[in-house]
Amino acid sequence: MANPQLNSGNPRVDIEYRRKKSAEEMRHQVVSFALMIFLTLIAFAVVAMKGFSAWFIVPFILLLAIVQVIFQLYYFMHMSHKGHEAPSMFLYSGVLVGAVTILAFTTIIWW
C-alpha cells in the first residue's frame, strides 16, 4: 500500500483525504468506546451474579480494566499514531517500574 502525499497541491484532494482519515479515526473511536461500555457492563454483570467467588471476580475485573486502559491509550490518547514513540517509551517504562515495585512489595509482605 503506497503512502499518499499529505499535500498534493490540489486543495480538493487534500480535503477529501483529510475527511477520509477523520472518518476512519472517528469510526475507530466509536468502536473503541462501544467496546469499553460493553466491558464495563460485563464487569457489572459478573459482580451482580452470585455464582462467582471473589477469587475469580477480582482478577477478571482487573483484566477488563487493563484492556480498557489499552483502548484508552491507543484510541483516545492517539498513542497508535506516528510520532508518539517517546511518550510511549516513558509510559511503558513507568508501567514496568510500577509493576516491579508492586511485585517487590508484595513479595516482601507475603514472604
N, C-alpha and C. Protein backbone atom coordinates (compact mmCIF):
# COMPACT_ATOMS: atom_id res chain seq x y z
N MET A 1 0.84 -1.17 0.00
CA MET A 1 0.00 0.00 0.00
C MET A 1 0.88 1.23 0.00
N ALA A 2 0.69 2.09 -0.94
CA ALA A 2 1.51 3.29 -1.08
C ALA A 2 1.04 4.36 -0.11
N ASN A 3 2.00 5.14 0.36
CA ASN A 3 1.66 6.26 1.23
C ASN A 3 1.22 7.45 0.38
N PRO A 4 0.01 7.94 0.57
CA PRO A 4 -0.40 9.12 -0.18
C PRO A 4 0.29 10.36 0.38
N GLN A 5 0.54 11.31 -0.48
CA GLN A 5 1.17 12.54 -0.04
C GLN A 5 0.19 13.34 0.79
N LEU A 6 0.73 14.04 1.79
CA LEU A 6 -0.13 14.85 2.63
C LEU A 6 -0.54 16.15 1.93
N ASN A 7 0.29 16.61 1.04
CA ASN A 7 -0.03 17.84 0.33
C ASN A 7 0.22 17.61 -1.15
N SER A 8 -0.84 17.44 -1.91
CA SER A 8 -0.69 17.15 -3.33
C SER A 8 -0.69 18.41 -4.18
N GLY A 9 -0.99 19.52 -3.59
CA GLY A 9 -1.10 20.75 -4.37
C GLY A 9 -2.51 20.99 -4.84
N ASN A 10 -3.35 19.99 -4.76
CA ASN A 10 -4.75 20.12 -5.15
C ASN A 10 -5.58 20.21 -3.87
N PRO A 11 -6.20 21.37 -3.59
CA PRO A 11 -6.94 21.52 -2.34
C PRO A 11 -8.10 20.54 -2.21
N ARG A 12 -8.74 20.18 -3.31
CA ARG A 12 -9.88 19.26 -3.24
C ARG A 12 -9.43 17.86 -2.81
N VAL A 13 -8.30 17.41 -3.33
CA VAL A 13 -7.78 16.10 -2.96
C VAL A 13 -7.37 16.09 -1.50
N ASP A 14 -6.72 17.16 -1.04
CA ASP A 14 -6.29 17.24 0.35
C ASP A 14 -7.49 17.20 1.30
N ILE A 15 -8.55 17.89 0.97
CA ILE A 15 -9.74 17.89 1.81
C ILE A 15 -10.37 16.51 1.84
N GLU A 16 -10.45 15.86 0.69
CA GLU A 16 -11.03 14.52 0.64
C GLU A 16 -10.20 13.53 1.44
N TYR A 17 -8.88 13.65 1.35
CA TYR A 17 -8.01 12.76 2.11
C TYR A 17 -8.20 12.98 3.61
N ARG A 18 -8.24 14.24 4.04
CA ARG A 18 -8.43 14.53 5.46
C ARG A 18 -9.79 14.06 5.95
N ARG A 19 -10.82 14.20 5.14
CA ARG A 19 -12.16 13.72 5.52
C ARG A 19 -12.15 12.20 5.68
N LYS A 20 -11.48 11.53 4.75
CA LYS A 20 -11.41 10.07 4.83
C LYS A 20 -10.67 9.63 6.09
N LYS A 21 -9.55 10.26 6.39
CA LYS A 21 -8.78 9.92 7.59
C LYS A 21 -9.56 10.26 8.86
N SER A 22 -10.26 11.38 8.86
CA SER A 22 -11.06 11.76 10.03
C SER A 22 -12.21 10.79 10.25
N ALA A 23 -12.85 10.38 9.18
CA ALA A 23 -13.95 9.42 9.30
C ALA A 23 -13.44 8.08 9.83
N GLU A 24 -12.29 7.66 9.34
CA GLU A 24 -11.70 6.41 9.81
C GLU A 24 -11.34 6.50 11.29
N GLU A 25 -10.75 7.62 11.69
CA GLU A 25 -10.38 7.82 13.09
C GLU A 25 -11.63 7.85 13.98
N MET A 26 -12.67 8.51 13.54
CA MET A 26 -13.90 8.58 14.32
C MET A 26 -14.54 7.19 14.45
N ARG A 27 -14.49 6.41 13.39
CA ARG A 27 -15.04 5.06 13.44
C ARG A 27 -14.28 4.22 14.47
N HIS A 28 -12.95 4.35 14.51
CA HIS A 28 -12.16 3.62 15.49
C HIS A 28 -12.52 4.05 16.91
N GLN A 29 -12.72 5.34 17.11
CA GLN A 29 -13.05 5.82 18.45
C GLN A 29 -14.43 5.36 18.89
N VAL A 30 -15.40 5.36 17.98
CA VAL A 30 -16.75 4.92 18.32
C VAL A 30 -16.75 3.42 18.65
N VAL A 31 -16.05 2.63 17.86
CA VAL A 31 -15.98 1.19 18.13
C VAL A 31 -15.28 0.94 19.46
N SER A 32 -14.20 1.66 19.72
CA SER A 32 -13.48 1.50 20.98
C SER A 32 -14.37 1.90 22.16
N PHE A 33 -15.10 2.99 22.02
CA PHE A 33 -16.00 3.42 23.09
C PHE A 33 -17.08 2.38 23.35
N ALA A 34 -17.65 1.83 22.28
CA ALA A 34 -18.68 0.80 22.43
C ALA A 34 -18.11 -0.44 23.12
N LEU A 35 -16.90 -0.83 22.77
CA LEU A 35 -16.27 -1.98 23.42
C LEU A 35 -16.01 -1.72 24.90
N MET A 36 -15.61 -0.49 25.24
CA MET A 36 -15.37 -0.17 26.64
C MET A 36 -16.67 -0.18 27.44
N ILE A 37 -17.74 0.32 26.87
CA ILE A 37 -19.04 0.25 27.54
C ILE A 37 -19.45 -1.21 27.73
N PHE A 38 -19.25 -2.03 26.71
CA PHE A 38 -19.58 -3.46 26.79
C PHE A 38 -18.76 -4.15 27.89
N LEU A 39 -17.46 -3.84 27.97
CA LEU A 39 -16.62 -4.43 29.01
C LEU A 39 -17.05 -3.99 30.40
N THR A 40 -17.49 -2.74 30.52
CA THR A 40 -17.99 -2.26 31.80
C THR A 40 -19.27 -2.99 32.19
N LEU A 41 -20.15 -3.21 31.24
CA LEU A 41 -21.38 -3.95 31.52
C LEU A 41 -21.08 -5.40 31.93
N ILE A 42 -20.08 -5.99 31.29
CA ILE A 42 -19.68 -7.36 31.67
C ILE A 42 -19.17 -7.37 33.11
N ALA A 43 -18.36 -6.36 33.47
CA ALA A 43 -17.85 -6.30 34.84
C ALA A 43 -18.99 -6.17 35.85
N PHE A 44 -19.96 -5.31 35.55
CA PHE A 44 -21.11 -5.17 36.45
C PHE A 44 -21.90 -6.47 36.54
N ALA A 45 -22.06 -7.15 35.41
CA ALA A 45 -22.84 -8.40 35.41
C ALA A 45 -22.14 -9.48 36.22
N VAL A 46 -20.82 -9.57 36.11
CA VAL A 46 -20.08 -10.59 36.86
C VAL A 46 -20.19 -10.33 38.36
N VAL A 47 -20.12 -9.07 38.76
CA VAL A 47 -20.24 -8.75 40.18
C VAL A 47 -21.66 -9.00 40.67
N ALA A 48 -22.66 -8.73 39.84
CA ALA A 48 -24.05 -8.90 40.24
C ALA A 48 -24.45 -10.37 40.36
N MET A 49 -23.81 -11.24 39.61
CA MET A 49 -24.14 -12.67 39.69
C MET A 49 -23.61 -13.24 40.99
N LYS A 50 -24.35 -14.15 41.54
CA LYS A 50 -23.97 -14.74 42.84
C LYS A 50 -23.12 -15.99 42.70
N GLY A 51 -22.95 -16.52 41.50
CA GLY A 51 -22.26 -17.79 41.32
C GLY A 51 -20.74 -17.71 41.31
N PHE A 52 -20.16 -16.52 41.26
CA PHE A 52 -18.71 -16.39 41.16
C PHE A 52 -18.11 -16.03 42.50
N SER A 53 -16.92 -16.57 42.77
CA SER A 53 -16.23 -16.24 44.01
C SER A 53 -15.36 -15.00 43.80
N ALA A 54 -14.87 -14.47 44.90
CA ALA A 54 -14.01 -13.28 44.83
C ALA A 54 -12.68 -13.60 44.16
N TRP A 55 -12.26 -14.87 44.24
CA TRP A 55 -11.00 -15.27 43.60
C TRP A 55 -11.10 -15.21 42.07
N PHE A 56 -12.28 -15.27 41.54
CA PHE A 56 -12.47 -15.10 40.10
C PHE A 56 -12.79 -13.65 39.75
N ILE A 57 -13.62 -13.01 40.54
CA ILE A 57 -14.11 -11.67 40.21
C ILE A 57 -12.99 -10.64 40.17
N VAL A 58 -12.14 -10.62 41.18
CA VAL A 58 -11.10 -9.59 41.28
C VAL A 58 -10.12 -9.66 40.11
N PRO A 59 -9.51 -10.82 39.79
CA PRO A 59 -8.61 -10.84 38.63
C PRO A 59 -9.33 -10.56 37.31
N PHE A 60 -10.58 -11.00 37.20
CA PHE A 60 -11.33 -10.76 35.98
C PHE A 60 -11.59 -9.27 35.77
N ILE A 61 -11.96 -8.58 36.81
CA ILE A 61 -12.20 -7.14 36.70
C ILE A 61 -10.89 -6.40 36.44
N LEU A 62 -9.80 -6.84 37.05
CA LEU A 62 -8.50 -6.22 36.77
C LEU A 62 -8.09 -6.44 35.31
N LEU A 63 -8.37 -7.60 34.78
CA LEU A 63 -8.08 -7.87 33.37
C LEU A 63 -8.91 -6.95 32.46
N LEU A 64 -10.19 -6.80 32.77
CA LEU A 64 -11.03 -5.90 31.98
C LEU A 64 -10.55 -4.46 32.10
N ALA A 65 -10.07 -4.07 33.28
CA ALA A 65 -9.54 -2.72 33.46
C ALA A 65 -8.28 -2.50 32.62
N ILE A 66 -7.43 -3.49 32.55
CA ILE A 66 -6.20 -3.37 31.75
C ILE A 66 -6.56 -3.24 30.27
N VAL A 67 -7.53 -4.01 29.81
CA VAL A 67 -7.97 -3.91 28.41
C VAL A 67 -8.53 -2.52 28.13
N GLN A 68 -9.29 -1.96 29.06
CA GLN A 68 -9.85 -0.63 28.86
C GLN A 68 -8.77 0.44 28.86
N VAL A 69 -7.75 0.29 29.68
CA VAL A 69 -6.64 1.25 29.68
C VAL A 69 -5.92 1.21 28.34
N ILE A 70 -5.74 0.03 27.79
CA ILE A 70 -5.09 -0.10 26.48
C ILE A 70 -5.92 0.58 25.41
N PHE A 71 -7.24 0.35 25.42
CA PHE A 71 -8.13 1.02 24.46
C PHE A 71 -8.01 2.54 24.59
N GLN A 72 -8.01 3.03 25.82
CA GLN A 72 -7.95 4.48 26.00
C GLN A 72 -6.62 5.04 25.54
N LEU A 73 -5.54 4.35 25.81
CA LEU A 73 -4.23 4.85 25.38
C LEU A 73 -4.11 4.88 23.86
N TYR A 74 -4.53 3.81 23.23
CA TYR A 74 -4.29 3.71 21.80
C TYR A 74 -5.30 4.44 20.94
N TYR A 75 -6.52 4.59 21.39
CA TYR A 75 -7.52 5.22 20.54
C TYR A 75 -7.90 6.62 21.00
N PHE A 76 -8.09 6.84 22.29
CA PHE A 76 -8.50 8.16 22.74
C PHE A 76 -7.32 9.09 22.98
N MET A 77 -6.17 8.54 23.33
CA MET A 77 -4.99 9.38 23.54
C MET A 77 -4.04 9.32 22.34
N HIS A 78 -4.46 8.66 21.27
CA HIS A 78 -3.76 8.64 19.98
C HIS A 78 -2.34 8.10 20.08
N MET A 79 -2.11 7.12 20.93
CA MET A 79 -0.77 6.55 21.04
C MET A 79 -0.44 5.65 19.86
N SER A 80 -1.42 5.32 19.05
CA SER A 80 -1.16 4.46 17.90
C SER A 80 -0.63 5.25 16.70
N HIS A 81 -0.63 6.56 16.78
CA HIS A 81 -0.17 7.38 15.67
C HIS A 81 1.35 7.50 15.66
N LYS A 82 1.86 7.80 14.49
CA LYS A 82 3.30 8.03 14.37
C LYS A 82 3.68 9.29 15.14
N GLY A 83 4.91 9.29 15.66
CA GLY A 83 5.39 10.45 16.38
C GLY A 83 5.17 10.38 17.88
N HIS A 84 4.59 9.29 18.36
CA HIS A 84 4.35 9.14 19.79
C HIS A 84 5.25 8.06 20.40
N GLU A 85 6.41 7.86 19.82
CA GLU A 85 7.29 6.81 20.30
C GLU A 85 7.91 7.18 21.65
N ALA A 86 8.34 8.44 21.81
CA ALA A 86 8.97 8.86 23.07
C ALA A 86 7.97 8.81 24.23
N PRO A 87 6.76 9.38 24.09
CA PRO A 87 5.81 9.24 25.20
C PRO A 87 5.47 7.78 25.49
N SER A 88 5.40 6.96 24.46
CA SER A 88 5.13 5.53 24.67
C SER A 88 6.23 4.88 25.49
N MET A 89 7.48 5.22 25.17
CA MET A 89 8.61 4.65 25.90
C MET A 89 8.55 5.04 27.37
N PHE A 90 8.28 6.32 27.65
CA PHE A 90 8.19 6.76 29.04
C PHE A 90 7.01 6.12 29.76
N LEU A 91 5.91 5.98 29.07
CA LEU A 91 4.72 5.35 29.67
C LEU A 91 5.00 3.89 30.01
N TYR A 92 5.57 3.15 29.06
CA TYR A 92 5.85 1.74 29.29
C TYR A 92 6.94 1.54 30.35
N SER A 93 7.94 2.42 30.38
CA SER A 93 8.96 2.29 31.41
C SER A 93 8.36 2.59 32.79
N GLY A 94 7.43 3.54 32.87
CA GLY A 94 6.74 3.80 34.14
C GLY A 94 5.90 2.63 34.58
N VAL A 95 5.23 1.98 33.63
CA VAL A 95 4.45 0.78 33.96
C VAL A 95 5.38 -0.32 34.45
N LEU A 96 6.52 -0.48 33.82
CA LEU A 96 7.48 -1.50 34.24
C LEU A 96 8.00 -1.23 35.65
N VAL A 97 8.36 0.02 35.93
CA VAL A 97 8.84 0.37 37.27
C VAL A 97 7.74 0.14 38.31
N GLY A 98 6.51 0.53 37.97
CA GLY A 98 5.39 0.31 38.89
C GLY A 98 5.14 -1.16 39.14
N ALA A 99 5.20 -1.98 38.10
CA ALA A 99 4.98 -3.42 38.25
C ALA A 99 6.08 -4.05 39.09
N VAL A 100 7.31 -3.66 38.87
CA VAL A 100 8.42 -4.20 39.66
C VAL A 100 8.29 -3.77 41.12
N THR A 101 7.87 -2.54 41.35
CA THR A 101 7.69 -2.06 42.73
C THR A 101 6.58 -2.83 43.43
N ILE A 102 5.46 -3.01 42.75
CA ILE A 102 4.36 -3.77 43.35
C ILE A 102 4.78 -5.21 43.61
N LEU A 103 5.48 -5.81 42.68
CA LEU A 103 5.97 -7.19 42.87
C LEU A 103 6.93 -7.26 44.05
N ALA A 104 7.83 -6.28 44.17
CA ALA A 104 8.80 -6.28 45.28
C ALA A 104 8.09 -6.14 46.62
N PHE A 105 7.17 -5.19 46.73
CA PHE A 105 6.46 -5.01 47.99
C PHE A 105 5.57 -6.20 48.32
N THR A 106 4.99 -6.81 47.31
CA THR A 106 4.14 -7.99 47.52
C THR A 106 4.97 -9.14 48.08
N THR A 107 6.14 -9.37 47.49
CA THR A 107 6.97 -10.47 47.97
C THR A 107 7.55 -10.17 49.34
N ILE A 108 7.84 -8.91 49.65
CA ILE A 108 8.36 -8.57 50.98
C ILE A 108 7.29 -8.81 52.05
N ILE A 109 6.05 -8.44 51.73
CA ILE A 109 4.97 -8.58 52.71
C ILE A 109 4.56 -10.03 52.87
N TRP A 110 4.46 -10.78 51.79
CA TRP A 110 3.92 -12.13 51.88
C TRP A 110 4.93 -13.17 52.32
N TRP A 111 6.22 -12.93 52.11
CA TRP A 111 7.20 -13.96 52.47
C TRP A 111 8.11 -13.45 53.52
